[in-house]
Amino acid sequence: MKTAAFFIAALSLCGLAQAEPATYTIEPTHTFVTYEISHFGTSTNRGRFDKKEGTVQLDKAAKTGKVEISFDIASVNTGVPGMNKHLQGDDFFSSDKFPTAKFVGDKFSFNGDKVSEVQGQLTLKDKTAPVTLKATNFNCYQSPMLKREVCGGDFEAVIDRTQWGIDYGLAYGFPKNVKLIIQVEAIKQ
């Protein structure tokens, strides 16, 4: 009888010790979706999308997760109003027809306790293609201001913009490859 009680107690403790996925909400003032593209091999054009939102589910014990980040295409910001307008138009993003882009990642890889990469799908201009974001930094910490856990990092990938029908400037010598950078911090709910 004592043996059975011991096994039941041990199984109960094992169940309590297993972590469940935690849900985190993207914190927009510490989250940025940016891009970089070479400009005739002399400098780098950069831009970001100012409006973004999303969630992250993370199970550190099982080393699994899911992330969904969407960004408002019309919020593209290069610091140059005329360039923003051009990017919003049909030569690039067609923001009036396709107002939102979204990355959904559901395969997380870990290096120890830290996320090292997220594989998923990027939907842009109503086209979806696989993208793997590599972590250049990842950490979780207890926020002294929020009194909650915050997890996040810097993730990047080089994507071929023509997969989403963005081919403006190729004939002029602009490259098809664009560096996509997602800097994210998310607050545990």
C-alpha atoms as a PDB file:
ATOM      1  CA  MET A   1       0.000   0.000   0.000  1.00  0.00           C
ATOM      2  CA  LYS A   2       2.847   2.373   0.861  1.00  0.00           C
ATOM      3  CA  THR A   3       4.482   1.612  -2.481  1.00  0.00           C
ATOM      4  CA  ALA A   4       1.299   2.472  -4.408  1.00  0.00           C
ATOM      5  CA  ALA A   5       0.882   5.702  -2.431  1.00  0.00           C
ATOM      6  CA  PHE A   6       4.504   6.590  -3.125  1.00  0.00           C
ATOM      7  CA  PHE A   7       4.069   6.069  -6.888  1.00  0.00           C
ATOM      8  CA  ILE A   8       0.856   8.120  -6.952  1.00  0.00           C
ATOM      9  CA  ALA A   9       2.569  10.943  -5.053  1.00  0.00           C
ATOM     10  CA  ALA A  10       5.613  10.775  -7.352  1.00  0.00           C
ATOM     11  CA  LEU A  11       3.437  10.889 -10.457  1.00  0.00           C
ATOM     12  CA  SER A  12       1.520  13.859  -9.057  1.00  0.00           C
ATOM     13  CA  LEU A  13       4.752  15.738  -8.387  1.00  0.00           C
ATOM     14  CA  CYS A  14       5.994  14.950 -11.894  1.00  0.00           C
ATOM     15  CA  GLY A  15       2.820  16.432 -13.302  1.00  0.00           C
ATOM     16  CA  LEU A  16       3.306  19.596 -11.260  1.00  0.00           C
ATOM     17  CA  ALA A  17       6.925  19.898 -12.318  1.00  0.00           C
ATOM     18  CA  GLN A  18       6.085  19.890 -16.004  1.00  0.00           C
ATOM     19  CA  ALA A  19       5.954  23.375 -17.392  1.00  0.00           C
ATOM     20  CA  GLU A  20       3.050  24.505 -19.488  1.00  0.00           C
ATOM     21  CA  PRO A  21       3.321  26.900 -22.382  1.00  0.00           C
ATOM     22  CA  ALA A  22       3.325  30.495 -21.219  1.00  0.00           C
ATOM     23  CA  THR A  23       1.702  33.217 -23.293  1.00  0.00           C
ATOM     24  CA  TYR A  24       3.474  36.508 -23.873  1.00  0.00           C
ATOM     25  CA  THR A  25       2.122  39.660 -25.525  1.00  0.00           C
ATOM     26  CA  ILE A  26       4.373  41.668 -27.819  1.00  0.00           C
ATOM     27  CA  GLU A  27       5.471  44.900 -26.162  1.00  0.00           C
ATOM     28  CA  PRO A  28       5.335  47.423 -29.050  1.00  0.00           C
ATOM     29  CA  THR A  29       7.786  49.980 -27.647  1.00  0.00           C
ATOM     30  CA  HIS A  30      10.541  47.319 -27.546  1.00  0.00           C
ATOM     31  CA  THR A  31       9.543  45.446 -30.710  1.00  0.00           C
ATOM     32  CA  PHE A  32      10.590  46.524 -34.199  1.00  0.00           C
ATOM     33  CA  VAL A  33      10.309  44.959 -37.627  1.00  0.00           C
ATOM     34  CA  THR A  34      13.025  46.457 -39.822  1.00  0.00           C
ATOM     35  CA  TYR A  35      14.704  45.729 -43.145  1.00  0.00           C
ATOM     36  CA  GLU A  36      17.965  46.570 -44.858  1.00  0.00           C
ATOM     37  CA  ILE A  37      18.767  46.504 -48.583  1.00  0.00           C
ATOM     38  CA  SER A  38      21.895  47.559 -50.430  1.00  0.00           C
ATOM     39  CA  HIS A  39      21.653  50.755 -52.480  1.00  0.00           C
ATOM     40  CA  PHE A  40      23.884  50.298 -55.537  1.00  0.00           C
ATOM     41  CA  GLY A  41      26.541  48.685 -53.343  1.00  0.00           C
ATOM     42  CA  THR A  42      27.442  52.013 -51.741  1.00  0.00           C
ATOM     43  CA  SER A  43      25.141  52.318 -48.754  1.00  0.00           C
ATOM     44  CA  THR A  44      22.296  50.531 -47.035  1.00  0.00           C
ATOM     45  CA  ASN A  45      18.668  51.642 -47.208  1.00  0.00           C
ATOM     46  CA  ARG A  46      16.800  50.917 -43.994  1.00  0.00           C
ATOM     47  CA  GLY A  47      13.182  51.091 -42.974  1.00  0.00           C
ATOM     48  CA  ARG A  48      10.876  49.870 -40.254  1.00  0.00           C
ATOM     49  CA  PHE A  49       7.212  49.206 -39.684  1.00  0.00           C
ATOM     50  CA  ASP A  50       6.015  51.345 -36.790  1.00  0.00           C
ATOM     51  CA  LYS A  51       2.731  49.528 -36.049  1.00  0.00           C
ATOM     52  CA  LYS A  52       3.006  45.909 -34.968  1.00  0.00           C
ATOM     53  CA  GLU A  53       1.337  43.451 -32.616  1.00  0.00           C
ATOM     54  CA  GLY A  54       1.453  39.815 -31.724  1.00  0.00           C
ATOM     55  CA  THR A  55       1.834  37.022 -29.233  1.00  0.00           C
ATOM     56  CA  VAL A  56       4.376  34.384 -28.310  1.00  0.00           C
ATOM     57  CA  GLN A  57       3.719  31.028 -26.694  1.00  0.00           C
ATOM     58  CA  LEU A  58       6.812  29.523 -25.128  1.00  0.00           C
ATOM     59  CA  ASP A  59       7.277  26.234 -23.321  1.00  0.00           C
ATOM     60  CA  LYS A  60      10.855  26.309 -22.064  1.00  0.00           C
ATOM     61  CA  ALA A  61      10.725  22.789 -20.618  1.00  0.00           C
ATOM     62  CA  ALA A  62       9.407  21.183 -23.803  1.00  0.00           C
ATOM     63  CA  LYS A  63      11.514  23.549 -25.957  1.00  0.00           C
ATOM     64  CA  THR A  64       8.565  24.464 -28.142  1.00  0.00           C
ATOM     65  CA  GLY A  65       6.793  27.642 -29.049  1.00  0.00           C
ATOM     66  CA  LYS A  66       4.723  29.650 -31.460  1.00  0.00           C
ATOM     67  CA  VAL A  67       4.985  33.286 -32.445  1.00  0.00           C
ATOM     68  CA  GLU A  68       2.622  35.483 -34.434  1.00  0.00           C
ATOM     69  CA  ILE A  69       3.696  39.004 -35.344  1.00  0.00           C
ATOM     70  CA  SER A  70       1.716  41.178 -37.715  1.00  0.00           C
ATOM     71  CA  PHE A  71       2.707  44.593 -38.960  1.00  0.00           C
ATOM     72  CA  ASP A  72       0.861  47.387 -40.686  1.00  0.00           C
ATOM     73  CA  ILE A  73       2.379  47.926 -44.139  1.00  0.00           C
ATOM     74  CA  ALA A  74       1.229  51.567 -44.327  1.00  0.00           C
ATOM     75  CA  SER A  75       3.323  52.270 -41.217  1.00  0.00           C
ATOM     76  CA  VAL A  76       6.580  51.770 -43.165  1.00  0.00           C
ATOM     77  CA  ASN A  77       9.005  54.473 -42.075  1.00  0.00           C
ATOM     78  CA  THR A  78      12.334  55.251 -43.727  1.00  0.00           C
ATOM     79  CA  GLY A  79      12.596  58.755 -42.333  1.00  0.00           C
ATOM     80  CA  VAL A  80      11.914  60.135 -45.822  1.00  0.00           C
ATOM     81  CA  PRO A  81       8.199  60.825 -46.520  1.00  0.00           C
ATOM     82  CA  GLY A  82       8.552  60.512 -50.315  1.00  0.00           C
ATOM     83  CA  MET A  83      10.260  57.133 -49.992  1.00  0.00           C
ATOM     84  CA  ASN A  84       7.590  55.952 -47.538  1.00  0.00           C
ATOM     85  CA  LYS A  85       4.905  56.842 -50.096  1.00  0.00           C
ATOM     86  CA  HIS A  86       6.773  55.004 -52.869  1.00  0.00           C
ATOM     87  CA  LEU A  87       7.163  51.891 -50.676  1.00  0.00           C
ATOM     88  CA  GLN A  88       3.439  51.943 -49.840  1.00  0.00           C
ATOM     89  CA  GLY A  89       2.571  52.042 -53.568  1.00  0.00           C
ATOM     90  CA  ASP A  90       2.277  49.308 -56.177  1.00  0.00           C
ATOM     91  CA  ASP A  91       6.008  49.251 -57.026  1.00  0.00           C
ATOM     92  CA  PHE A  92       6.629  47.692 -53.610  1.00  0.00           C
ATOM     93  CA  PHE A  93       4.076  46.793 -50.925  1.00  0.00           C
ATOM     94  CA  SER A  94       0.675  47.866 -52.349  1.00  0.00           C
ATOM     95  CA  SER A  95      -0.426  48.784 -48.828  1.00  0.00           C
ATOM     96  CA  ASP A  96      -3.931  49.782 -49.955  1.00  0.00           C
ATOM     97  CA  LYS A  97      -4.568  46.238 -51.286  1.00  0.00           C
ATOM     98  CA  PHE A  98      -2.470  44.329 -48.747  1.00  0.00           C
ATOM     99  CA  PRO A  99      -2.504  46.334 -45.503  1.00  0.00           C
ATOM    100  CA  THR A 100      -0.976  43.704 -43.224  1.00  0.00           C
ATOM    101  CA  ALA A 101       2.005  41.365 -43.266  1.00  0.00           C
ATOM    102  CA  LYS A 102       2.357  38.499 -40.812  1.00  0.00           C
ATOM    103  CA  PHE A 103       5.043  36.106 -39.602  1.00  0.00           C
ATOM    104  CA  VAL A 104       3.889  32.888 -37.936  1.00  0.00           C
ATOM    105  CA  GLY A 105       6.647  30.706 -36.517  1.00  0.00           C
ATOM    106  CA  ASP A 106       5.857  27.334 -35.006  1.00  0.00           C
ATOM    107  CA  LYS A 107       9.174  25.482 -34.953  1.00  0.00           C
ATOM    108  CA  PHE A 108      11.578  26.730 -32.298  1.00  0.00           C
ATOM    109  CA  SER A 109      15.158  25.505 -31.976  1.00  0.00           C
ATOM    110  CA  PHE A 110      17.094  25.937 -28.749  1.00  0.00           C
ATOM    111  CA  ASN A 111      20.729  26.131 -27.747  1.00  0.00           C
ATOM    112  CA  GLY A 112      20.511  25.116 -24.113  1.00  0.00           C
ATOM    113  CA  ASP A 113      17.771  27.275 -22.577  1.00  0.00           C
ATOM    114  CA  LYS A 114      17.913  29.976 -25.253  1.00  0.00           C
ATOM    115  CA  VAL A 115      15.931  30.139 -28.472  1.00  0.00           C
ATOM    116  CA  SER A 116      18.399  29.949 -31.373  1.00  0.00           C
ATOM    117  CA  GLU A 117      16.035  30.007 -34.361  1.00  0.00           C
ATOM    118  CA  VAL A 118      12.376  30.128 -35.312  1.00  0.00           C
ATOM    119  CA  GLN A 119      11.074  28.577 -38.525  1.00  0.00           C
ATOM    120  CA  GLY A 120       7.794  29.771 -39.921  1.00  0.00           C
ATOM    121  CA  GLN A 121       5.901  31.455 -42.727  1.00  0.00           C
ATOM    122  CA  LEU A 122       5.882  35.098 -43.796  1.00  0.00           C
ATOM    123  CA  THR A 123       2.751  36.343 -45.539  1.00  0.00           C
ATOM    124  CA  LEU A 124       3.232  39.532 -47.528  1.00  0.00           C
ATOM    125  CA  LYS A 125       1.115  40.799 -50.433  1.00  0.00           C
ATOM    126  CA  ASP A 126      -1.148  37.760 -50.001  1.00  0.00           C
ATOM    127  CA  LYS A 127       1.751  35.372 -50.714  1.00  0.00           C
ATOM    128  CA  THR A 128       3.221  33.029 -48.120  1.00  0.00           C
ATOM    129  CA  ALA A 129       6.755  31.634 -48.092  1.00  0.00           C
ATOM    130  CA  PRO A 130       8.972  29.954 -45.490  1.00  0.00           C
ATOM    131  CA  VAL A 131      11.375  32.077 -43.448  1.00  0.00           C
ATOM    132  CA  THR A 132      13.847  30.998 -40.774  1.00  0.00           C
ATOM    133  CA  LEU A 133      14.739  33.691 -38.256  1.00  0.00           C
ATOM    134  CA  LYS A 134      18.086  33.135 -36.533  1.00  0.00           C
ATOM    135  CA  ALA A 135      18.478  34.515 -33.031  1.00  0.00           C
ATOM    136  CA  THR A 136      21.494  36.759 -32.563  1.00  0.00           C
ATOM    137  CA  ASN A 137      20.386  37.427 -28.989  1.00  0.00           C
ATOM    138  CA  PHE A 138      17.752  35.905 -26.689  1.00  0.00           C
ATOM    139  CA  ASN A 139      16.988  36.294 -23.005  1.00  0.00           C
ATOM    140  CA  CYS A 140      14.224  36.171 -20.430  1.00  0.00           C
ATOM    141  CA  TYR A 141      14.264  38.365 -17.339  1.00  0.00           C
ATOM    142  CA  GLN A 142      12.073  39.494 -14.491  1.00  0.00           C
ATOM    143  CA  SER A 143      11.153  43.105 -15.281  1.00  0.00           C
ATOM    144  CA  PRO A 144      11.652  45.289 -12.204  1.00  0.00           C
ATOM    145  CA  MET A 145       9.088  47.770 -13.551  1.00  0.00           C
ATOM    146  CA  LEU A 146       6.393  45.385 -14.786  1.00  0.00           C
ATOM    147  CA  LYS A 147       6.918  42.755 -12.059  1.00  0.00           C
ATOM    148  CA  ARG A 148       6.501  40.094 -14.746  1.00  0.00           C
ATOM    149  CA  GLU A 149       8.741  37.973 -16.918  1.00  0.00           C
ATOM    150  CA  VAL A 150       9.787  39.424 -20.261  1.00  0.00           C
ATOM    151  CA  CYS A 151      11.372  37.326 -23.011  1.00  0.00           C
ATOM    152  CA  GLY A 152      12.791  38.476 -26.287  1.00  0.00           C
ATOM    153  CA  GLY A 153      15.691  38.857 -28.609  1.00  0.00           C
ATOM    154  CA  ASP A 154      17.003  39.922 -31.963  1.00  0.00           C
ATOM    155  CA  PHE A 155      16.133  37.668 -34.895  1.00  0.00           C
ATOM    156  CA  GLU A 156      17.173  38.014 -38.520  1.00  0.00           C
ATOM    157  CA  ALA A 157      16.963  36.376 -41.917  1.00  0.00           C
ATOM    158  CA  VAL A 158      17.923  37.190 -45.468  1.00  0.00           C
ATOM    159  CA  ILE A 159      14.880  36.863 -47.708  1.00  0.00           C
ATOM    160  CA  ASP A 160      14.378  36.965 -51.472  1.00  0.00           C
ATOM    161  CA  ARG A 161      11.810  39.741 -51.930  1.00  0.00           C
ATOM    162  CA  THR A 162      10.784  38.404 -55.352  1.00  0.00           C
ATOM    163  CA  GLN A 163       9.039  35.481 -53.581  1.00  0.00           C
ATOM    164  CA  TRP A 164       6.408  38.028 -52.575  1.00  0.00           C
ATOM    165  CA  GLY A 165       6.251  39.744 -55.959  1.00  0.00           C
ATOM    166  CA  ILE A 166       8.439  42.699 -54.983  1.00  0.00           C
ATOM    167  CA  ASP A 167      10.829  43.073 -57.888  1.00  0.00           C
ATOM    168  CA  TYR A 168      11.049  46.844 -58.374  1.00  0.00           C
ATOM    169  CA  GLY A 169      14.579  48.026 -59.157  1.00  0.00           C
ATOM    170  CA  LEU A 170      16.069  44.675 -60.138  1.00  0.00           C
ATOM    171  CA  ALA A 171      16.727  46.017 -63.656  1.00  0.00           C
ATOM    172  CA  TYR A 172      18.589  48.974 -62.088  1.00  0.00           C
ATOM    173  CA  GLY A 173      20.822  46.697 -60.048  1.00  0.00           C
ATOM    174  CA  PHE A 174      19.021  46.638 -56.711  1.00  0.00           C
ATOM    175  CA  PRO A 175      19.495  43.213 -55.110  1.00  0.00           C
ATOM    176  CA  LYS A 176      16.625  40.823 -54.585  1.00  0.00           C
ATOM    177  CA  ASN A 177      17.939  39.857 -51.142  1.00  0.00           C
ATOM    178  CA  VAL A 178      16.764  41.870 -48.157  1.00  0.00           C
ATOM    179  CA  LYS A 179      17.844  41.491 -44.550  1.00  0.00           C
ATOM    180  CA  LEU A 180      14.786  41.203 -42.288  1.00  0.00           C
ATOM    181  CA  ILE A 181      15.338  41.967 -38.606  1.00  0.00           C
ATOM    182  CA  ILE A 182      12.758  41.401 -35.902  1.00  0.00           C
ATOM    183  CA  GLN A 183      13.682  42.780 -32.505  1.00  0.00           C
ATOM    184  CA  VAL A 184      11.071  41.571 -30.045  1.00  0.00           C
ATOM    185  CA  GLU A 185      10.249  41.751 -26.371  1.00  0.00           C
ATOM    186  CA  ALA A 186       7.100  40.128 -25.023  1.00  0.00           C
ATOM    187  CA  ILE A 187       5.497  40.264 -21.582  1.00  0.00           C
ATOM    188  CA  LYS A 188       4.259  37.131 -19.843  1.00  0.00           C
ATOM    189  CA  GLN A 189       0.506  37.216 -19.299  1.00  0.00           C
END
